[in-house]
Amino acid sequence: MRTLVEAVNKGKYTKKSHCYPPMNRDHRRIIHELAQVYGIESVSYDNEPKRNVVITAVKYVINFVF
């Protein structure tokens, strides 16, 4: 997640997404929570058991990086 944010902020991309593999509800929740910390969008797609998360970082959006 951090690499995604850094790539966008360094100017290589104006918008970049990453699709995580299918995972259970608890793991998806962690991804969504981390996305909030980093200031990026996260969306869940598909139905169980193939439900996955896609995160998207956008340039010029203030992101918090550890």
PDB file of N, CA and C in Angstrom:
ATOM      1  N   MET A   1       0.836  -1.182   0.000  1.00  0.00           N
ATOM      2  CA  MET A   1       0.000   0.000   0.000  1.00  0.00           C
ATOM      3  C   MET A   1       0.883   1.247   0.000  1.00  0.00           C
ATOM      4  N   ARG A   2       1.899   1.210   0.798  1.00  0.00           N
ATOM      5  CA  ARG A   2       2.804   2.359   0.873  1.00  0.00           C
ATOM      6  C   ARG A   2       3.488   2.598  -0.470  1.00  0.00           C
ATOM      7  N   THR A   3       3.903   1.529  -1.131  1.00  0.00           N
ATOM      8  CA  THR A   3       4.550   1.637  -2.434  1.00  0.00           C
ATOM      9  C   THR A   3       3.623   2.270  -3.461  1.00  0.00           C
ATOM     10  N   LEU A   4       2.367   1.926  -3.406  1.00  0.00           N
ATOM     11  CA  LEU A   4       1.361   2.491  -4.306  1.00  0.00           C
ATOM     12  C   LEU A   4       1.259   3.998  -4.106  1.00  0.00           C
ATOM     13  N   VAL A   5       1.155   4.424  -2.872  1.00  0.00           N
ATOM     14  CA  VAL A   5       1.048   5.849  -2.549  1.00  0.00           C
ATOM     15  C   VAL A   5       2.320   6.583  -2.972  1.00  0.00           C
ATOM     16  N   GLU A   6       3.474   6.001  -2.696  1.00  0.00           N
ATOM     17  CA  GLU A   6       4.735   6.644  -3.061  1.00  0.00           C
ATOM     18  C   GLU A   6       4.877   6.787  -4.572  1.00  0.00           C
ATOM     19  N   ALA A   7       4.476   5.768  -5.331  1.00  0.00           N
ATOM     20  CA  ALA A   7       4.566   5.834  -6.793  1.00  0.00           C
ATOM     21  C   ALA A   7       3.723   6.975  -7.343  1.00  0.00           C
ATOM     22  N   VAL A   8       2.547   7.162  -6.791  1.00  0.00           N
ATOM     23  CA  VAL A   8       1.668   8.246  -7.246  1.00  0.00           C
ATOM     24  C   VAL A   8       2.235   9.598  -6.828  1.00  0.00           C
ATOM     25  N   ASN A   9       2.689   9.706  -5.611  1.00  0.00           N
ATOM     26  CA  ASN A   9       3.187  10.992  -5.118  1.00  0.00           C
ATOM     27  C   ASN A   9       4.506  11.419  -5.762  1.00  0.00           C
ATOM     28  N   LYS A  10       5.292  10.467  -6.239  1.00  0.00           N
ATOM     29  CA  LYS A  10       6.562  10.803  -6.888  1.00  0.00           C
ATOM     30  C   LYS A  10       6.373  11.183  -8.351  1.00  0.00           C
ATOM     31  N   GLY A  11       5.164  11.138  -8.837  1.00  0.00           N
ATOM     32  CA  GLY A  11       4.892  11.608 -10.183  1.00  0.00           C
ATOM     33  C   GLY A  11       4.907  10.569 -11.276  1.00  0.00           C
ATOM     34  N   LYS A  12       5.167   9.304 -10.942  1.00  0.00           N
ATOM     35  CA  LYS A  12       5.167   8.275 -11.979  1.00  0.00           C
ATOM     36  C   LYS A  12       3.766   8.054 -12.541  1.00  0.00           C
ATOM     37  N   TYR A  13       2.769   8.219 -11.715  1.00  0.00           N
ATOM     38  CA  TYR A  13       1.379   7.987 -12.113  1.00  0.00           C
ATOM     39  C   TYR A  13       0.506   9.082 -11.503  1.00  0.00           C
ATOM     40  N   THR A  14      -0.626   9.360 -12.134  1.00  0.00           N
ATOM     41  CA  THR A  14      -1.586  10.279 -11.522  1.00  0.00           C
ATOM     42  C   THR A  14      -2.630   9.501 -10.741  1.00  0.00           C
ATOM     43  N   LYS A  15      -2.771   8.223 -11.078  1.00  0.00           N
ATOM     44  CA  LYS A  15      -3.728   7.354 -10.401  1.00  0.00           C
ATOM     45  C   LYS A  15      -3.230   5.928 -10.574  1.00  0.00           C
ATOM     46  N   LYS A  16      -3.256   5.152  -9.498  1.00  0.00           N
ATOM     47  CA  LYS A  16      -2.777   3.773  -9.571  1.00  0.00           C
ATOM     48  C   LYS A  16      -3.607   2.908  -8.644  1.00  0.00           C
ATOM     49  N   SER A  17      -3.951   1.713  -9.133  1.00  0.00           N
ATOM     50  CA  SER A  17      -4.768   0.778  -8.357  1.00  0.00           C
ATOM     51  C   SER A  17      -4.036  -0.535  -8.139  1.00  0.00           C
ATOM     52  N   HIS A  18      -4.475  -1.238  -7.113  1.00  0.00           N
ATOM     53  CA  HIS A  18      -3.970  -2.580  -6.837  1.00  0.00           C
ATOM     54  C   HIS A  18      -5.155  -3.451  -6.442  1.00  0.00           C
ATOM     55  N   CYS A  19      -5.230  -4.626  -7.044  1.00  0.00           N
ATOM     56  CA  CYS A  19      -6.306  -5.575  -6.747  1.00  0.00           C
ATOM     57  C   CYS A  19      -5.742  -6.692  -5.868  1.00  0.00           C
ATOM     58  N   TYR A  20      -6.254  -6.801  -4.661  1.00  0.00           N
ATOM     59  CA  TYR A  20      -5.840  -7.870  -3.758  1.00  0.00           C
ATOM     60  C   TYR A  20      -6.564  -9.160  -4.128  1.00  0.00           C
ATOM     61  N   PRO A  21      -5.979 -10.299  -3.819  1.00  0.00           N
ATOM     62  CA  PRO A  21      -6.654 -11.570  -4.089  1.00  0.00           C
ATOM     63  C   PRO A  21      -7.856 -11.737  -3.159  1.00  0.00           C
ATOM     64  N   PRO A  22      -8.736 -12.680  -3.475  1.00  0.00           N
ATOM     65  CA  PRO A  22      -9.873 -12.928  -2.583  1.00  0.00           C
ATOM     66  C   PRO A  22      -9.393 -13.216  -1.162  1.00  0.00           C
ATOM     67  N   MET A  23     -10.154 -12.688  -0.198  1.00  0.00           N
ATOM     68  CA  MET A  23      -9.801 -12.890   1.211  1.00  0.00           C
ATOM     69  C   MET A  23     -11.058 -12.828   2.064  1.00  0.00           C
ATOM     70  N   ASN A  24     -10.938 -13.268   3.302  1.00  0.00           N
ATOM     71  CA  ASN A  24     -12.103 -13.285   4.189  1.00  0.00           C
ATOM     72  C   ASN A  24     -12.435 -11.882   4.692  1.00  0.00           C
ATOM     73  N   ARG A  25     -13.567 -11.776   5.345  1.00  0.00           N
ATOM     74  CA  ARG A  25     -14.091 -10.485   5.808  1.00  0.00           C
ATOM     75  C   ARG A  25     -13.118  -9.746   6.724  1.00  0.00           C
ATOM     76  N   ASP A  26     -12.510 -10.465   7.647  1.00  0.00           N
ATOM     77  CA  ASP A  26     -11.596  -9.817   8.597  1.00  0.00           C
ATOM     78  C   ASP A  26     -10.385  -9.205   7.891  1.00  0.00           C
ATOM     79  N   HIS A  27      -9.830  -9.922   6.941  1.00  0.00           N
ATOM     80  CA  HIS A  27      -8.686  -9.388   6.202  1.00  0.00           C
ATOM     81  C   HIS A  27      -9.090  -8.198   5.334  1.00  0.00           C
ATOM     82  N   ARG A  28     -10.252  -8.270   4.717  1.00  0.00           N
ATOM     83  CA  ARG A  28     -10.732  -7.133   3.919  1.00  0.00           C
ATOM     84  C   ARG A  28     -10.930  -5.901   4.795  1.00  0.00           C
ATOM     85  N   ARG A  29     -11.451  -6.099   5.984  1.00  0.00           N
ATOM     86  CA  ARG A  29     -11.668  -4.978   6.909  1.00  0.00           C
ATOM     87  C   ARG A  29     -10.341  -4.291   7.232  1.00  0.00           C
ATOM     88  N   ILE A  30      -9.296  -5.077   7.438  1.00  0.00           N
ATOM     89  CA  ILE A  30      -7.975  -4.512   7.722  1.00  0.00           C
ATOM     90  C   ILE A  30      -7.481  -3.686   6.535  1.00  0.00           C
ATOM     91  N   ILE A  31      -7.675  -4.187   5.326  1.00  0.00           N
ATOM     92  CA  ILE A  31      -7.267  -3.442   4.127  1.00  0.00           C
ATOM     93  C   ILE A  31      -8.020  -2.118   4.055  1.00  0.00           C
ATOM     94  N   HIS A  32      -9.330  -2.143   4.307  1.00  0.00           N
ATOM     95  CA  HIS A  32     -10.127  -0.911   4.276  1.00  0.00           C
ATOM     96  C   HIS A  32      -9.651   0.081   5.349  1.00  0.00           C
ATOM     97  N   GLU A  33      -9.338  -0.415   6.530  1.00  0.00           N
ATOM     98  CA  GLU A  33      -8.863   0.462   7.606  1.00  0.00           C
ATOM     99  C   GLU A  33      -7.508   1.082   7.256  1.00  0.00           C
ATOM    100  N   LEU A  34      -6.607   0.285   6.708  1.00  0.00           N
ATOM    101  CA  LEU A  34      -5.304   0.816   6.301  1.00  0.00           C
ATOM    102  C   LEU A  34      -5.448   1.827   5.167  1.00  0.00           C
ATOM    103  N   ALA A  35      -6.370   1.577   4.269  1.00  0.00           N
ATOM    104  CA  ALA A  35      -6.608   2.517   3.168  1.00  0.00           C
ATOM    105  C   ALA A  35      -7.037   3.871   3.717  1.00  0.00           C
ATOM    106  N   GLN A  36      -7.850   3.870   4.756  1.00  0.00           N
ATOM    107  CA  GLN A  36      -8.257   5.134   5.378  1.00  0.00           C
ATOM    108  C   GLN A  36      -7.050   5.860   5.961  1.00  0.00           C
ATOM    109  N   VAL A  37      -6.165   5.122   6.608  1.00  0.00           N
ATOM    110  CA  VAL A  37      -4.966   5.720   7.199  1.00  0.00           C
ATOM    111  C   VAL A  37      -4.109   6.368   6.112  1.00  0.00           C
ATOM    112  N   TYR A  38      -3.979   5.696   4.978  1.00  0.00           N
ATOM    113  CA  TYR A  38      -3.170   6.203   3.871  1.00  0.00           C
ATOM    114  C   TYR A  38      -3.916   7.214   3.007  1.00  0.00           C
ATOM    115  N   GLY A  39      -5.187   7.406   3.244  1.00  0.00           N
ATOM    116  CA  GLY A  39      -5.971   8.371   2.481  1.00  0.00           C
ATOM    117  C   GLY A  39      -6.265   7.936   1.065  1.00  0.00           C
ATOM    118  N   ILE A  40      -6.428   6.631   0.865  1.00  0.00           N
ATOM    119  CA  ILE A  40      -6.731   6.129  -0.470  1.00  0.00           C
ATOM    120  C   ILE A  40      -8.074   5.413  -0.480  1.00  0.00           C
ATOM    121  N   GLU A  41      -8.624   5.259  -1.671  1.00  0.00           N
ATOM    122  CA  GLU A  41      -9.941   4.641  -1.832  1.00  0.00           C
ATOM    123  C   GLU A  41      -9.815   3.124  -1.780  1.00  0.00           C
ATOM    124  N   SER A  42     -10.791   2.472  -1.173  1.00  0.00           N
ATOM    125  CA  SER A  42     -10.840   1.011  -1.169  1.00  0.00           C
ATOM    126  C   SER A  42     -12.272   0.569  -1.420  1.00  0.00           C
ATOM    127  N   VAL A  43     -12.411  -0.431  -2.292  1.00  0.00           N
ATOM    128  CA  VAL A  43     -13.734  -0.937  -2.655  1.00  0.00           C
ATOM    129  C   VAL A  43     -13.667  -2.455  -2.709  1.00  0.00           C
ATOM    130  N   SER A  44     -14.686  -3.113  -2.153  1.00  0.00           N
ATOM    131  CA  SER A  44     -14.788  -4.568  -2.248  1.00  0.00           C
ATOM    132  C   SER A  44     -15.649  -4.939  -3.445  1.00  0.00           C
ATOM    133  N   TYR A  45     -15.247  -6.001  -4.133  1.00  0.00           N
ATOM    134  CA  TYR A  45     -15.967  -6.483  -5.307  1.00  0.00           C
ATOM    135  C   TYR A  45     -16.223  -7.976  -5.195  1.00  0.00           C
ATOM    136  N   ASP A  46     -17.185  -8.445  -5.958  1.00  0.00           N
ATOM    137  CA  ASP A  46     -17.529  -9.861  -6.094  1.00  0.00           C
ATOM    138  C   ASP A  46     -18.290 -10.372  -4.877  1.00  0.00           C
ATOM    139  N   ASN A  47     -18.665 -11.621  -4.972  1.00  0.00           N
ATOM    140  CA  ASN A  47     -19.387 -12.293  -3.890  1.00  0.00           C
ATOM    141  C   ASN A  47     -18.463 -13.306  -3.237  1.00  0.00           C
ATOM    142  N   GLU A  48     -18.804 -13.670  -2.005  1.00  0.00           N
ATOM    143  CA  GLU A  48     -18.045 -14.709  -1.318  1.00  0.00           C
ATOM    144  C   GLU A  48     -18.131 -15.982  -2.153  1.00  0.00           C
ATOM    145  N   PRO A  49     -17.130 -16.790  -2.215  1.00  0.00           N
ATOM    146  CA  PRO A  49     -15.828 -16.706  -1.548  1.00  0.00           C
ATOM    147  C   PRO A  49     -14.775 -15.950  -2.363  1.00  0.00           C
ATOM    148  N   LYS A  50     -15.179 -15.314  -3.459  1.00  0.00           N
ATOM    149  CA  LYS A  50     -14.216 -14.624  -4.324  1.00  0.00           C
ATOM    150  C   LYS A  50     -14.130 -13.127  -4.054  1.00  0.00           C
ATOM    151  N   ARG A  51     -14.692 -12.672  -2.947  1.00  0.00           N
ATOM    152  CA  ARG A  51     -14.729 -11.237  -2.646  1.00  0.00           C
ATOM    153  C   ARG A  51     -13.310 -10.716  -2.419  1.00  0.00           C
ATOM    154  N   ASN A  52     -12.998  -9.609  -3.068  1.00  0.00           N
ATOM    155  CA  ASN A  52     -11.664  -9.036  -2.967  1.00  0.00           C
ATOM    156  C   ASN A  52     -11.747  -7.521  -2.819  1.00  0.00           C
ATOM    157  N   VAL A  53     -10.603  -6.899  -2.574  1.00  0.00           N
ATOM    158  CA  VAL A  53     -10.532  -5.451  -2.381  1.00  0.00           C
ATOM    159  C   VAL A  53      -9.620  -4.852  -3.451  1.00  0.00           C
ATOM    160  N   VAL A  54     -10.049  -3.713  -3.996  1.00  0.00           N
ATOM    161  CA  VAL A  54      -9.222  -2.932  -4.914  1.00  0.00           C
ATOM    162  C   VAL A  54      -8.973  -1.584  -4.251  1.00  0.00           C
ATOM    163  N   ILE A  55      -7.699  -1.201  -4.163  1.00  0.00           N
ATOM    164  CA  ILE A  55      -7.352   0.105  -3.591  1.00  0.00           C
ATOM    165  C   ILE A  55      -6.843   1.002  -4.714  1.00  0.00           C
ATOM    166  N   THR A  56      -7.115   2.308  -4.586  1.00  0.00           N
ATOM    167  CA  THR A  56      -6.696   3.272  -5.605  1.00  0.00           C
ATOM    168  C   THR A  56      -6.147   4.524  -4.936  1.00  0.00           C
ATOM    169  N   ALA A  57      -4.924   4.882  -5.315  1.00  0.00           N
ATOM    170  CA  ALA A  57      -4.307   6.126  -4.849  1.00  0.00           C
ATOM    171  C   ALA A  57      -4.375   7.128  -5.992  1.00  0.00           C
ATOM    172  N   VAL A  58      -4.674   8.385  -5.662  1.00  0.00           N
ATOM    173  CA  VAL A  58      -4.801   9.445  -6.662  1.00  0.00           C
ATOM    174  C   VAL A  58      -3.830  10.565  -6.312  1.00  0.00           C
ATOM    175  N   LYS A  59      -3.123  11.061  -7.315  1.00  0.00           N
ATOM    176  CA  LYS A  59      -2.183  12.162  -7.108  1.00  0.00           C
ATOM    177  C   LYS A  59      -2.937  13.403  -6.657  1.00  0.00           C
ATOM    178  N   TYR A  60      -2.287  14.215  -5.854  1.00  0.00           N
ATOM    179  CA  TYR A  60      -2.822  15.455  -5.303  1.00  0.00           C
ATOM    180  C   TYR A  60      -3.828  15.223  -4.186  1.00  0.00           C
ATOM    181  N   VAL A  61      -3.982  13.991  -3.753  1.00  0.00           N
ATOM    182  CA  VAL A  61      -4.774  13.706  -2.559  1.00  0.00           C
ATOM    183  C   VAL A  61      -3.769  13.540  -1.437  1.00  0.00           C
ATOM    184  N   ILE A  62      -3.985  14.222  -0.335  1.00  0.00           N
ATOM    185  CA  ILE A  62      -3.040  14.157   0.777  1.00  0.00           C
ATOM    186  C   ILE A  62      -3.082  12.760   1.372  1.00  0.00           C
ATOM    187  N   ASN A  63      -1.936  12.092   1.357  1.00  0.00           N
ATOM    188  CA  ASN A  63      -1.817  10.737   1.881  1.00  0.00           C
ATOM    189  C   ASN A  63      -0.882  10.751   3.075  1.00  0.00           C
ATOM    190  N   PHE A  64      -1.219   9.997   4.077  1.00  0.00           N
ATOM    191  CA  PHE A  64      -0.379   9.866   5.259  1.00  0.00           C
ATOM    192  C   PHE A  64       0.484   8.635   5.073  1.00  0.00           C
ATOM    193  N   VAL A  65       1.800   8.811   5.096  1.00  0.00           N
ATOM    194  CA  VAL A  65       2.718   7.694   4.926  1.00  0.00           C
ATOM    195  C   VAL A  65       3.582   7.594   6.167  1.00  0.00           C
ATOM    196  N   PHE A  66       3.709   6.383   6.682  1.00  0.00           N
ATOM    197  CA  PHE A  66       4.521   6.143   7.873  1.00  0.00           C
ATOM    198  C   PHE A  66       5.975   6.294   7.558  1.00  0.00           C
TER     199      PHE A  66
END
